[in-house]
């Protein structure tokens, strides 16, 4: 699509206006290019200038979320649910950006009451209703009672938010005293992000507006009244594939070509990129597996996952 207007913004985490250029990246679903800058105060990397409002919504095509293989999807959602344990009271787990509700179904199997947050126009809303999962819009989060939620989760959601501070304030208000806030985002300080640069799978401009390292995410948590309790940088669900695709991006002309094939995205699918992806998949995957197992040992895995609690 053609960009009609972009808006400059201060840092969405600390509101500083001081930043330095990082690099320019291409939308993997189109031809538009966007600048990424790094906040000089907190270290957050973010898209600036950026689309806003309805213009940004237009970059979310109906096929954006794709489809995982059912066996892998169920396995990964069970792994996520294990990370928050079993329900210890009658208060629900709330999942921000709940998509098709698969994570909440996994939580339900572990005894949790569930509540989801999703955009009203999301394709999955009809399925959520059929599954009996109660869902509110982001705007309706303010109507949730104070201290009424046991645990809030946000799996690969924060990178999409124009104003994460507003969301964090809502989360702190609705969490019970001592309640948990579980967050996972791509790790912009990871080895794979440094190797990939603008070719990193998770750059995904302009949908990924924000790119966190541990320092910038910790700043956001502290400013909102949360204290990080536990950090991790390993994800079986994301790390190996994201680095594999990043390596293939170095030689393919179409960004994230293998990923688009797997989710059946109707691209032009140049034969050269398909053949290269298939030919290099095994060696790239082997290298990605080795790096993905070693990198988290020093905190340099492909994701940032944190369990935080509100400060009393």
Protein backbone atom coordinates (compact mmCIF):
# COMPACT_ATOMS: atom_id res chain seq x y z
CA UNK A 1 0.00 0.00 0.00
CA UNK A 2 1.06 3.60 -0.43
CA UNK A 3 1.82 5.61 2.68
CA UNK A 4 -0.24 8.81 2.70
CA UNK A 5 0.96 10.31 5.98
CA UNK A 6 3.22 9.39 8.86
CA UNK A 7 3.29 10.87 12.35
CA UNK A 8 6.36 11.56 14.43
CA UNK A 9 6.22 10.41 18.04
CA UNK A 10 8.24 10.63 21.22
CA UNK A 11 9.41 7.41 22.87
CA UNK A 12 6.32 5.33 23.78
CA UNK A 13 8.05 4.07 26.96
CA UNK A 14 9.70 7.13 28.54
CA UNK A 15 8.41 10.03 26.37
CA UNK A 16 11.91 11.24 25.51
CA UNK A 17 12.24 13.13 22.21
CA UNK A 18 15.91 12.23 21.85
CA UNK A 19 16.64 9.33 19.52
CA UNK A 20 19.21 8.06 17.02
CA UNK A 21 18.62 6.24 13.73
CA UNK A 22 18.99 2.44 13.69
CA UNK A 23 18.02 1.23 10.22
CA UNK A 24 15.30 1.20 7.57
CA UNK A 25 13.19 -1.92 7.07
CA UNK A 26 10.68 -3.11 4.49
CA UNK A 27 7.17 -4.30 5.27
CA UNK A 28 7.39 -8.07 4.57
CA UNK A 29 3.79 -7.99 3.30
CA UNK A 30 4.35 -5.10 0.88
CA UNK A 31 6.82 -2.61 -0.49
CA UNK A 32 6.59 0.25 2.04
CA UNK A 33 9.69 1.03 4.08
CA UNK A 34 9.92 2.45 7.61
CA UNK A 35 12.61 3.97 9.78
CA UNK A 36 13.51 2.51 13.17
CA UNK A 37 15.11 4.73 15.80
CA UNK A 38 16.52 4.05 19.27
CA UNK A 39 15.51 6.12 22.27
CA UNK A 40 18.59 7.81 23.73
CA UNK A 41 17.10 7.62 27.24
CA UNK A 42 15.65 4.11 27.73
CA UNK A 43 17.00 2.18 24.74
CA UNK A 44 13.67 1.24 23.17
CA UNK A 45 13.81 0.87 19.39
CA UNK A 46 10.61 1.96 17.66
CA UNK A 47 9.12 2.87 14.29
CA UNK A 48 9.32 6.65 13.81
CA UNK A 49 7.60 8.23 11.98
CA UNK A 50 4.74 5.75 11.92
CA UNK A 51 1.25 5.25 10.48
CA UNK A 52 -1.58 6.02 12.84
CA UNK A 53 -5.23 5.10 13.34
CA UNK A 54 -7.05 3.54 10.41
CA UNK A 55 -3.93 3.72 8.27
CA UNK A 56 -2.10 1.36 10.62
CA UNK A 57 -5.12 -0.97 10.76
CA UNK A 58 -4.89 -1.36 6.98
CA UNK A 59 -1.54 -3.14 7.36
CA UNK A 60 -3.26 -6.02 9.19
CA UNK A 61 -4.50 -8.19 6.33
CA UNK A 62 -7.01 -10.96 7.07
CA UNK A 63 -4.29 -13.60 6.53
CA UNK A 64 -1.78 -11.89 8.86
CA UNK A 65 -2.15 -14.34 11.75
CA UNK A 66 -2.01 -17.45 9.58
CA UNK A 67 -2.54 -20.97 10.83
CA UNK A 68 -0.32 -23.27 12.86
CA UNK A 69 -0.42 -27.01 12.47
CA UNK A 70 -3.05 -28.12 15.05
CA UNK A 71 -0.68 -30.51 16.84
CA UNK A 72 1.99 -27.82 17.23
CA UNK A 73 -0.56 -25.18 18.19
CA UNK A 74 -2.03 -27.29 20.98
CA UNK A 75 1.43 -28.26 22.23
CA UNK A 76 2.67 -24.68 22.33
CA UNK A 77 -0.48 -23.40 24.04
CA UNK A 78 -0.14 -26.11 26.69
CA UNK A 79 3.46 -25.01 27.27
CA UNK A 80 2.28 -21.42 27.74
CA UNK A 81 -0.44 -22.52 30.17
CA UNK A 82 2.08 -24.50 32.22
CA UNK A 83 4.11 -21.33 32.70
CA UNK A 84 1.28 -19.77 34.71
CA UNK A 85 0.45 -22.97 36.63
CA UNK A 86 -2.96 -24.05 37.87
CA UNK A 87 -5.68 -21.76 39.18
CA UNK A 88 -5.29 -20.98 42.89
CA UNK A 89 -8.55 -19.01 43.36
CA UNK A 90 -11.78 -18.17 41.54
CA UNK A 91 -10.40 -15.12 39.74
CA UNK A 92 -9.77 -15.44 35.99
CA UNK A 93 -6.69 -15.27 33.82
CA UNK A 94 -7.00 -12.45 31.28
CA UNK A 95 -5.18 -12.79 27.95
CA UNK A 96 -4.57 -9.54 26.05
CA UNK A 97 -4.63 -10.22 22.32
CA UNK A 98 -6.27 -13.62 22.77
CA UNK A 99 -6.64 -14.32 19.04
CA UNK A 100 -8.58 -17.54 18.46
CA UNK A 101 -8.63 -18.35 22.17
CA UNK A 102 -6.34 -21.38 22.03
CA UNK A 103 -4.24 -20.28 25.00
CA UNK A 104 -7.35 -19.59 27.07
CA UNK A 105 -8.69 -23.06 26.18
CA UNK A 106 -5.42 -24.53 27.49
CA UNK A 107 -5.85 -22.50 30.68
CA UNK A 108 -9.43 -23.68 31.02
CA UNK A 109 -8.20 -27.29 30.91
CA UNK A 110 -5.99 -26.43 33.89
CA UNK A 111 -8.92 -25.17 35.94
CA UNK A 112 -8.82 -21.46 35.15
CA UNK A 113 -11.72 -19.13 34.57
CA UNK A 114 -10.87 -17.12 31.47
CA UNK A 115 -11.34 -13.70 29.92
CA UNK A 116 -9.92 -12.41 26.64
CA UNK A 117 -9.15 -9.03 25.10
CA UNK A 118 -9.31 -8.72 21.31
CA UNK A 119 -10.19 -6.24 18.62
CA UNK A 120 -13.93 -6.43 17.76
CA UNK A 121 -13.16 -6.71 14.03
CA UNK A 122 -10.73 -9.64 14.50
CA UNK A 123 -11.59 -12.66 12.32
CA UNK A 124 -11.53 -14.95 15.38
CA UNK A 125 -14.38 -13.24 17.24
CA UNK A 126 -17.02 -15.61 15.89
CA UNK A 127 -14.98 -18.65 16.96
CA UNK A 128 -14.45 -17.19 20.43
CA UNK A 129 -18.21 -16.90 20.84
CA UNK A 130 -18.70 -20.48 19.74
CA UNK A 131 -16.12 -21.62 22.33
CA UNK A 132 -17.91 -19.75 25.10
CA UNK A 133 -14.92 -17.52 25.82
CA UNK A 134 -15.91 -14.09 27.12
CA UNK A 135 -14.08 -11.34 25.26
CA UNK A 136 -13.92 -7.57 25.72
CA UNK A 137 -12.43 -4.97 23.39
CA UNK A 138 -9.31 -3.00 24.38
CA UNK A 139 -11.56 0.01 25.02
CA UNK A 140 -13.72 -2.05 27.39
CA UNK A 141 -10.78 -3.04 29.58
CA UNK A 142 -11.53 0.04 31.68
CA UNK A 143 -14.88 -1.50 32.65
CA UNK A 144 -13.20 -4.49 34.31
CA UNK A 145 -13.41 -4.18 38.09
CA UNK A 146 -10.37 -3.36 40.20
CA UNK A 147 -8.50 -6.27 41.80
CA UNK A 148 -10.67 -8.76 39.88
CA UNK A 149 -8.03 -10.60 37.81
CA UNK A 150 -5.57 -13.22 39.09
CA UNK A 151 -3.11 -13.17 36.17
CA UNK A 152 -2.77 -11.08 33.01
CA UNK A 153 -0.86 -12.42 30.01
CA UNK A 154 0.35 -10.64 26.87
CA UNK A 155 1.99 -13.04 24.41
CA UNK A 156 3.66 -11.10 21.57
CA UNK A 157 1.25 -8.20 21.89
CA UNK A 158 3.22 -5.27 23.35
CA UNK A 159 5.26 -4.80 20.18
CA UNK A 160 2.01 -3.88 18.39
CA UNK A 161 0.86 -1.19 20.85
CA UNK A 162 1.10 2.51 20.07
CA UNK A 163 0.83 3.42 23.79
CA UNK A 164 1.86 0.54 26.07
CA UNK A 165 1.77 2.80 29.16
CA UNK A 166 -2.01 3.03 28.92
CA UNK A 167 -2.31 -0.75 28.77
CA UNK A 168 0.03 -1.24 31.74
CA UNK A 169 -2.01 1.20 33.84
CA UNK A 170 -5.17 -0.79 33.08
CA UNK A 171 -3.46 -4.06 33.96
CA UNK A 172 -2.22 -2.75 37.29
CA UNK A 173 -5.69 -1.53 38.21
CA UNK A 174 -7.48 -4.80 37.43
CA UNK A 175 -4.90 -7.21 38.94
CA UNK A 176 -5.50 -8.50 42.45
CA UNK A 177 -2.86 -7.60 45.07
CA UNK A 178 0.15 -9.76 44.27
CA UNK A 179 -1.31 -10.76 40.90
CA UNK A 180 1.02 -11.62 38.05
CA UNK A 181 1.64 -9.91 34.71
CA UNK A 182 3.24 -12.36 32.24
CA UNK A 183 4.74 -10.78 29.12
CA UNK A 184 6.56 -12.20 26.13
CA UNK A 185 7.98 -10.10 23.28
CA UNK A 186 10.74 -10.53 20.68
CA UNK A 187 14.15 -9.73 22.14
CA UNK A 188 15.77 -6.94 20.16
CA UNK A 189 19.05 -7.53 22.03
CA UNK A 190 19.15 -11.22 21.04
CA UNK A 191 21.91 -12.75 18.97
CA UNK A 192 19.45 -13.44 16.17
CA UNK A 193 18.25 -9.81 16.11
CA UNK A 194 21.83 -8.56 15.93
CA UNK A 195 22.63 -11.03 13.16
CA UNK A 196 19.48 -10.23 11.23
CA UNK A 197 19.34 -6.45 11.45
CA UNK A 198 16.61 -5.28 9.09
CA UNK A 199 16.20 -8.91 7.89
CA UNK A 200 15.22 -10.19 11.35
CA UNK A 201 11.96 -12.12 11.20
CA UNK A 202 10.45 -10.14 14.09
CA UNK A 203 11.10 -6.66 12.67
CA UNK A 204 7.76 -6.93 10.80
CA UNK A 205 7.23 -3.20 10.28
CA UNK A 206 4.91 -1.39 10.66
CA UNK A 207 2.84 -3.88 12.69
CA UNK A 208 5.69 -4.27 15.19
CA UNK A 209 5.93 -0.66 16.31
CA UNK A 210 8.11 -1.34 19.38
CA UNK A 211 11.27 -3.43 19.78
CA UNK A 212 12.25 -4.12 23.37
CA UNK A 213 15.46 -5.13 25.05
CA UNK A 214 15.50 -6.04 28.72
CA UNK A 215 16.34 -2.51 29.85
CA UNK A 216 13.51 -0.80 27.98
CA UNK A 217 10.94 -3.40 29.05
CA UNK A 218 12.10 -3.15 32.66
CA UNK A 219 11.78 0.65 32.46
CA UNK A 220 8.20 0.30 31.21
CA UNK A 221 7.37 -2.09 34.05
CA UNK A 222 8.95 0.09 36.76
CA UNK A 223 7.29 3.27 35.52
CA UNK A 224 3.91 1.51 35.66
CA UNK A 225 4.43 0.26 39.22
CA UNK A 226 5.52 -3.33 38.49
CA UNK A 227 8.54 -5.26 39.68
CA UNK A 228 10.09 -7.97 37.51
CA UNK A 229 10.26 -11.28 39.34
CA UNK A 230 11.66 -13.67 36.75
CA UNK A 231 13.17 -13.32 33.25
CA UNK A 232 13.73 -15.85 30.46
CA UNK A 233 14.89 -15.57 26.83
CA UNK A 234 14.12 -19.04 25.44
CA UNK A 235 11.04 -20.00 23.45
CA UNK A 236 10.70 -23.35 21.70
CA UNK A 237 7.67 -21.87 19.96
CA UNK A 238 9.55 -19.00 18.29
CA UNK A 239 13.34 -19.11 18.54
CA UNK A 240 14.40 -21.81 16.08
CA UNK A 241 12.00 -20.87 13.32
CA UNK A 242 12.54 -17.11 13.64
CA UNK A 243 16.32 -17.48 13.29
CA UNK A 244 15.90 -19.96 10.42
CA UNK A 245 13.68 -17.49 8.56
CA UNK A 246 16.08 -14.64 9.36
CA UNK A 247 18.95 -16.54 7.73
CA UNK A 248 16.82 -17.29 4.66
CA UNK A 249 15.89 -13.60 4.44
CA UNK A 250 19.56 -12.88 3.78
CA UNK A 251 19.40 -14.70 0.44
CA UNK A 252 15.73 -14.41 -0.62
CA UNK A 253 14.28 -11.39 -2.41
CA UNK A 254 10.89 -11.77 -0.68
CA UNK A 255 11.00 -11.18 3.11
CA UNK A 256 9.76 -14.10 5.24
CA UNK A 257 9.09 -16.15 2.12
CA UNK A 258 9.10 -19.54 3.87
CA UNK A 259 6.74 -18.24 6.56
CA UNK A 260 4.34 -16.89 3.93
CA UNK A 261 4.32 -20.31 2.24
CA UNK A 262 3.56 -22.07 5.53
CA UNK A 263 0.60 -19.81 6.36
CA UNK A 264 -0.62 -19.96 2.75
CA UNK A 265 -0.29 -16.23 2.20
CA UNK A 266 -1.14 -15.45 -1.45
CA UNK A 267 2.17 -13.87 -2.49
CA UNK A 268 3.73 -13.96 -5.94
CA UNK A 269 5.94 -16.79 -4.62
CA UNK A 270 8.99 -16.39 -6.87
CA UNK A 271 10.36 -19.80 -7.77
CA UNK A 272 13.93 -18.74 -6.95
CA UNK A 273 13.01 -17.93 -3.33
CA UNK A 274 11.06 -21.16 -2.93
CA UNK A 275 13.97 -23.27 -4.23
CA UNK A 276 16.49 -21.41 -2.09
CA UNK A 277 14.33 -21.79 1.02
CA UNK A 278 13.92 -25.52 0.50
CA UNK A 279 17.58 -26.08 -0.34
CA UNK A 280 18.89 -24.13 2.65
CA UNK A 281 16.23 -25.13 5.17
CA UNK A 282 18.17 -28.03 6.70
CA UNK A 283 21.52 -26.25 7.23
CA UNK A 284 19.84 -23.01 8.32
CA UNK A 285 17.60 -24.94 10.71
CA UNK A 286 20.54 -26.84 12.19
CA UNK A 287 22.47 -23.63 12.80
CA UNK A 288 19.38 -21.96 14.25
CA UNK A 289 18.78 -24.88 16.61
CA UNK A 290 22.33 -24.73 17.96
CA UNK A 291 22.22 -20.95 18.47
CA UNK A 292 18.75 -21.09 20.03
CA UNK A 293 19.93 -23.58 22.64
CA UNK A 294 23.10 -21.68 23.53
CA UNK A 295 21.99 -18.03 23.36
CA UNK A 296 19.55 -18.14 26.32
CA UNK A 297 22.36 -19.25 28.62
CA UNK A 298 23.66 -15.67 28.49
CA UNK A 299 20.26 -13.99 28.21
CA UNK A 300 20.52 -13.57 24.44
CA UNK A 301 17.67 -15.82 23.28
CA UNK A 302 15.13 -14.72 20.71
CA UNK A 303 12.37 -13.63 23.11
CA UNK A 304 12.01 -11.72 26.36
CA UNK A 305 9.62 -13.33 28.82
CA UNK A 306 9.05 -11.75 32.21
CA UNK A 307 6.81 -12.47 35.17
CA UNK A 308 6.11 -9.27 37.08
CA UNK A 309 3.98 -8.27 40.07
CA UNK A 310 2.61 -4.89 41.03
CA UNK A 311 4.47 -3.07 43.79
CA UNK A 312 2.42 -2.49 46.93
